[in-house]
């Protein structure tokens, strides 16, 4: 029996099996690359309940945007700091879910064990926020802030 599932010793059949096997790896690599590129473009945005703070994070949890309204001038620094940190955590809390969606879209049911390890790691780093009123939104513009998206250009 050959390593490619057949019992033939015909060199042409063996080569065809190797070609199919290599093509499968190539297709898989392309799907993983597409998932990586799409994940790198993810942006999640959350706002504080009073609209004073708005934060956008990337899939790695790094802050890509921080917006503060004029209302901060009348806020005690400690309260502002708390709102900033809470809003960052809320934005980050949606990372695992969004990465999972990208992986499902690009990879289907492939490599479920690897996906579980990755997603468990993300959930541990960026846990969901209990009692979250307004889940982080998805930046459809990849974080570029286009005028076409009223949801993200609304006044404070």
C-alpha atoms as a PDB file:
ATOM      1  CA  UNK A   1       0.000   0.000   0.000  1.00  0.00           C
ATOM      2  CA  UNK A   2       1.322   3.469  -0.839  1.00  0.00           C
ATOM      3  CA  UNK A   3       1.382   6.493   1.418  1.00  0.00           C
ATOM      4  CA  UNK A   4      -1.318   8.104  -0.740  1.00  0.00           C
ATOM      5  CA  UNK A   5      -4.123   5.627  -0.153  1.00  0.00           C
ATOM      6  CA  UNK A   6      -3.758   3.446  -3.202  1.00  0.00           C
ATOM      7  CA  UNK A   7      -2.424  -0.037  -3.714  1.00  0.00           C
ATOM      8  CA  UNK A   8      -1.056   0.649  -7.149  1.00  0.00           C
ATOM      9  CA  UNK A   9       2.608   0.541  -7.909  1.00  0.00           C
ATOM     10  CA  UNK A  10       2.041   2.411 -11.175  1.00  0.00           C
ATOM     11  CA  UNK A  11       4.377   5.444 -11.025  1.00  0.00           C
ATOM     12  CA  UNK A  12       1.874   7.636 -12.886  1.00  0.00           C
ATOM     13  CA  UNK A  13      -0.857   6.905 -10.328  1.00  0.00           C
ATOM     14  CA  UNK A  14       1.550   7.493  -7.464  1.00  0.00           C
ATOM     15  CA  UNK A  15       2.608  10.842  -9.000  1.00  0.00           C
ATOM     16  CA  UNK A  16      -1.030  11.834  -9.505  1.00  0.00           C
ATOM     17  CA  UNK A  17      -1.675  11.045  -5.832  1.00  0.00           C
ATOM     18  CA  UNK A  18       1.295  13.165  -4.773  1.00  0.00           C
ATOM     19  CA  UNK A  19       0.047  16.012  -6.981  1.00  0.00           C
ATOM     20  CA  UNK A  20      -3.428  15.844  -5.394  1.00  0.00           C
ATOM     21  CA  UNK A  21      -1.884  15.764  -1.929  1.00  0.00           C
ATOM     22  CA  UNK A  22       0.332  18.795  -2.692  1.00  0.00           C
ATOM     23  CA  UNK A  23      -2.608  20.699  -4.213  1.00  0.00           C
ATOM     24  CA  UNK A  24      -4.593  20.074  -1.044  1.00  0.00           C
ATOM     25  CA  UNK A  25      -1.791  21.555   1.056  1.00  0.00           C
ATOM     26  CA  UNK A  26      -1.554  24.545  -1.265  1.00  0.00           C
ATOM     27  CA  UNK A  27      -5.307  25.205  -1.035  1.00  0.00           C
ATOM     28  CA  UNK A  28      -5.179  24.858   2.746  1.00  0.00           C
ATOM     29  CA  UNK A  29      -2.287  27.333   2.952  1.00  0.00           C
ATOM     30  CA  UNK A  30      -4.248  29.829   0.851  1.00  0.00           C
ATOM     31  CA  UNK A  31      -7.274  29.525   3.161  1.00  0.00           C
ATOM     32  CA  UNK A  32      -5.089  30.067   6.228  1.00  0.00           C
ATOM     33  CA  UNK A  33      -3.439  33.080   4.609  1.00  0.00           C
ATOM     34  CA  UNK A  34      -6.855  34.562   3.783  1.00  0.00           C
ATOM     35  CA  UNK A  35      -7.967  33.992   7.397  1.00  0.00           C
ATOM     36  CA  UNK A  36      -4.817  35.683   8.675  1.00  0.00           C
ATOM     37  CA  UNK A  37      -5.251  38.688   6.380  1.00  0.00           C
ATOM     38  CA  UNK A  38      -8.918  39.070   7.276  1.00  0.00           C
ATOM     39  CA  UNK A  39      -8.124  38.776  10.997  1.00  0.00           C
ATOM     40  CA  UNK A  40      -5.430  41.447  10.723  1.00  0.00           C
ATOM     41  CA  UNK A  41      -8.067  43.822   9.303  1.00  0.00           C
ATOM     42  CA  UNK A  42     -10.563  43.264  12.133  1.00  0.00           C
ATOM     43  CA  UNK A  43     -11.497  46.295  14.197  1.00  0.00           C
ATOM     44  CA  UNK A  44     -13.946  46.296  17.110  1.00  0.00           C
ATOM     45  CA  UNK A  45     -15.347  49.500  18.541  1.00  0.00           C
ATOM     46  CA  UNK A  46     -17.061  50.164  21.860  1.00  0.00           C
ATOM     47  CA  UNK A  47     -18.353  53.345  23.482  1.00  0.00           C
ATOM     48  CA  UNK A  48     -18.871  54.193  27.119  1.00  0.00           C
ATOM     49  CA  UNK A  49     -22.466  54.315  28.311  1.00  0.00           C
ATOM     50  CA  UNK A  50     -22.406  58.121  28.471  1.00  0.00           C
ATOM     51  CA  UNK A  51     -20.700  58.479  25.088  1.00  0.00           C
ATOM     52  CA  UNK A  52     -17.619  60.194  26.493  1.00  0.00           C
ATOM     53  CA  UNK A  53     -15.162  57.469  25.430  1.00  0.00           C
ATOM     54  CA  UNK A  54     -14.964  55.497  22.205  1.00  0.00           C
ATOM     55  CA  UNK A  55     -12.268  52.879  21.635  1.00  0.00           C
ATOM     56  CA  UNK A  56     -11.361  50.765  18.626  1.00  0.00           C
ATOM     57  CA  UNK A  57      -9.116  47.722  18.971  1.00  0.00           C
ATOM     58  CA  UNK A  58      -7.490  45.319  16.519  1.00  0.00           C
ATOM     59  CA  UNK A  59      -7.738  41.526  16.760  1.00  0.00           C
ATOM     60  CA  UNK A  60      -4.538  41.422  18.806  1.00  0.00           C
ATOM     61  CA  UNK A  61      -6.173  43.675  21.413  1.00  0.00           C
ATOM     62  CA  UNK A  62      -4.094  46.730  20.619  1.00  0.00           C
ATOM     63  CA  UNK A  63      -5.878  50.056  20.632  1.00  0.00           C
ATOM     64  CA  UNK A  64      -6.072  51.578  17.157  1.00  0.00           C
ATOM     65  CA  UNK A  65      -8.276  54.553  18.032  1.00  0.00           C
ATOM     66  CA  UNK A  66      -9.238  56.400  21.179  1.00  0.00           C
ATOM     67  CA  UNK A  67     -11.773  59.200  20.970  1.00  0.00           C
ATOM     68  CA  UNK A  68     -12.805  61.417  23.869  1.00  0.00           C
ATOM     69  CA  UNK A  69     -15.657  63.893  23.780  1.00  0.00           C
ATOM     70  CA  UNK A  70     -15.452  67.434  25.112  1.00  0.00           C
ATOM     71  CA  UNK A  71     -17.310  66.240  28.209  1.00  0.00           C
ATOM     72  CA  UNK A  72     -14.020  64.923  29.639  1.00  0.00           C
ATOM     73  CA  UNK A  73     -13.071  68.450  30.680  1.00  0.00           C
ATOM     74  CA  UNK A  74     -15.597  68.318  33.506  1.00  0.00           C
ATOM     75  CA  UNK A  75     -14.838  64.738  34.602  1.00  0.00           C
ATOM     76  CA  UNK A  76     -12.644  63.756  37.516  1.00  0.00           C
ATOM     77  CA  UNK A  77      -9.472  62.057  36.170  1.00  0.00           C
ATOM     78  CA  UNK A  78     -10.132  58.832  38.076  1.00  0.00           C
ATOM     79  CA  UNK A  79     -13.623  58.508  36.563  1.00  0.00           C
ATOM     80  CA  UNK A  80     -12.249  59.180  33.071  1.00  0.00           C
ATOM     81  CA  UNK A  81      -9.512  56.583  33.535  1.00  0.00           C
ATOM     82  CA  UNK A  82     -12.076  54.017  34.686  1.00  0.00           C
ATOM     83  CA  UNK A  83     -14.307  54.704  31.685  1.00  0.00           C
ATOM     84  CA  UNK A  84     -11.370  54.415  29.277  1.00  0.00           C
ATOM     85  CA  UNK A  85     -10.246  51.080  30.718  1.00  0.00           C
ATOM     86  CA  UNK A  86     -13.791  49.686  30.856  1.00  0.00           C
ATOM     87  CA  UNK A  87     -14.420  50.701  27.246  1.00  0.00           C
ATOM     88  CA  UNK A  88     -11.149  49.120  26.107  1.00  0.00           C
ATOM     89  CA  UNK A  89     -12.139  45.864  27.819  1.00  0.00           C
ATOM     90  CA  UNK A  90     -15.588  45.969  26.217  1.00  0.00           C
ATOM     91  CA  UNK A  91     -14.086  46.423  22.769  1.00  0.00           C
ATOM     92  CA  UNK A  92     -11.600  43.616  23.376  1.00  0.00           C
ATOM     93  CA  UNK A  93     -14.293  41.284  24.693  1.00  0.00           C
ATOM     94  CA  UNK A  94     -15.578  40.640  21.159  1.00  0.00           C
ATOM     95  CA  UNK A  95     -12.237  39.578  19.695  1.00  0.00           C
ATOM     96  CA  UNK A  96     -12.583  35.810  20.185  1.00  0.00           C
ATOM     97  CA  UNK A  97     -16.057  35.776  18.641  1.00  0.00           C
ATOM     98  CA  UNK A  98     -14.967  37.755  15.580  1.00  0.00           C
ATOM     99  CA  UNK A  99     -11.821  35.655  15.052  1.00  0.00           C
ATOM    100  CA  UNK A 100     -13.987  32.541  15.339  1.00  0.00           C
ATOM    101  CA  UNK A 101     -16.322  33.905  12.646  1.00  0.00           C
ATOM    102  CA  UNK A 102     -13.382  34.583  10.317  1.00  0.00           C
ATOM    103  CA  UNK A 103     -11.948  31.122  10.882  1.00  0.00           C
ATOM    104  CA  UNK A 104     -15.309  29.480  10.246  1.00  0.00           C
ATOM    105  CA  UNK A 105     -15.799  31.523   7.089  1.00  0.00           C
ATOM    106  CA  UNK A 106     -12.325  30.765   5.708  1.00  0.00           C
ATOM    107  CA  UNK A 107     -11.634  27.276   7.072  1.00  0.00           C
ATOM    108  CA  UNK A 108     -14.996  25.653   7.703  1.00  0.00           C
ATOM    109  CA  UNK A 109     -14.620  22.677  10.042  1.00  0.00           C
ATOM    110  CA  UNK A 110     -10.916  22.277   9.325  1.00  0.00           C
ATOM    111  CA  UNK A 111      -8.449  21.927  12.228  1.00  0.00           C
ATOM    112  CA  UNK A 112     -10.999  22.241  15.012  1.00  0.00           C
ATOM    113  CA  UNK A 113      -8.466  21.327  17.706  1.00  0.00           C
ATOM    114  CA  UNK A 114      -6.051  24.080  16.634  1.00  0.00           C
ATOM    115  CA  UNK A 115      -8.926  26.544  16.436  1.00  0.00           C
ATOM    116  CA  UNK A 116     -10.129  25.586  19.928  1.00  0.00           C
ATOM    117  CA  UNK A 117      -6.679  26.230  21.408  1.00  0.00           C
ATOM    118  CA  UNK A 118      -6.405  29.609  19.669  1.00  0.00           C
ATOM    119  CA  UNK A 119      -9.903  30.714  20.659  1.00  0.00           C
ATOM    120  CA  UNK A 120      -9.472  29.535  24.257  1.00  0.00           C
ATOM    121  CA  UNK A 121      -6.317  31.646  24.434  1.00  0.00           C
ATOM    122  CA  UNK A 122      -8.164  34.694  23.078  1.00  0.00           C
ATOM    123  CA  UNK A 123     -11.071  34.169  25.494  1.00  0.00           C
ATOM    124  CA  UNK A 124      -8.616  33.978  28.402  1.00  0.00           C
ATOM    125  CA  UNK A 125      -6.854  37.190  27.304  1.00  0.00           C
ATOM    126  CA  UNK A 126     -10.043  39.069  26.414  1.00  0.00           C
ATOM    127  CA  UNK A 127     -12.938  37.692  28.497  1.00  0.00           C
ATOM    128  CA  UNK A 128     -16.498  38.702  27.749  1.00  0.00           C
ATOM    129  CA  UNK A 129     -17.795  41.487  29.940  1.00  0.00           C
ATOM    130  CA  UNK A 130     -20.661  40.378  32.189  1.00  0.00           C
ATOM    131  CA  UNK A 131     -23.754  42.484  31.811  1.00  0.00           C
ATOM    132  CA  UNK A 132     -22.454  44.077  28.648  1.00  0.00           C
ATOM    133  CA  UNK A 133     -25.190  46.396  27.425  1.00  0.00           C
ATOM    134  CA  UNK A 134     -23.785  47.360  24.058  1.00  0.00           C
ATOM    135  CA  UNK A 135     -21.493  44.727  22.516  1.00  0.00           C
ATOM    136  CA  UNK A 136     -18.513  45.991  20.549  1.00  0.00           C
ATOM    137  CA  UNK A 137     -19.381  46.869  16.996  1.00  0.00           C
ATOM    138  CA  UNK A 138     -17.561  45.709  13.928  1.00  0.00           C
ATOM    139  CA  UNK A 139     -15.742  48.280  11.885  1.00  0.00           C
ATOM    140  CA  UNK A 140     -16.839  47.444   8.367  1.00  0.00           C
ATOM    141  CA  UNK A 141     -14.265  49.854   6.979  1.00  0.00           C
ATOM    142  CA  UNK A 142     -11.286  47.995   8.458  1.00  0.00           C
ATOM    143  CA  UNK A 143     -10.731  50.876  10.863  1.00  0.00           C
ATOM    144  CA  UNK A 144     -10.250  53.540   8.211  1.00  0.00           C
ATOM    145  CA  UNK A 145     -13.307  55.636   9.158  1.00  0.00           C
ATOM    146  CA  UNK A 146     -15.140  56.240   5.882  1.00  0.00           C
ATOM    147  CA  UNK A 147     -17.948  58.746   5.448  1.00  0.00           C
ATOM    148  CA  UNK A 148     -20.172  55.952   4.121  1.00  0.00           C
ATOM    149  CA  UNK A 149     -20.733  54.525   7.564  1.00  0.00           C
ATOM    150  CA  UNK A 150     -23.055  56.801   9.537  1.00  0.00           C
ATOM    151  CA  UNK A 151     -22.958  54.504  12.564  1.00  0.00           C
ATOM    152  CA  UNK A 152     -19.295  55.377  13.090  1.00  0.00           C
ATOM    153  CA  UNK A 153     -19.522  59.034  12.153  1.00  0.00           C
ATOM    154  CA  UNK A 154     -22.444  59.954  14.354  1.00  0.00           C
ATOM    155  CA  UNK A 155     -21.935  63.012  16.533  1.00  0.00           C
ATOM    156  CA  UNK A 156     -21.275  62.471  20.225  1.00  0.00           C
END
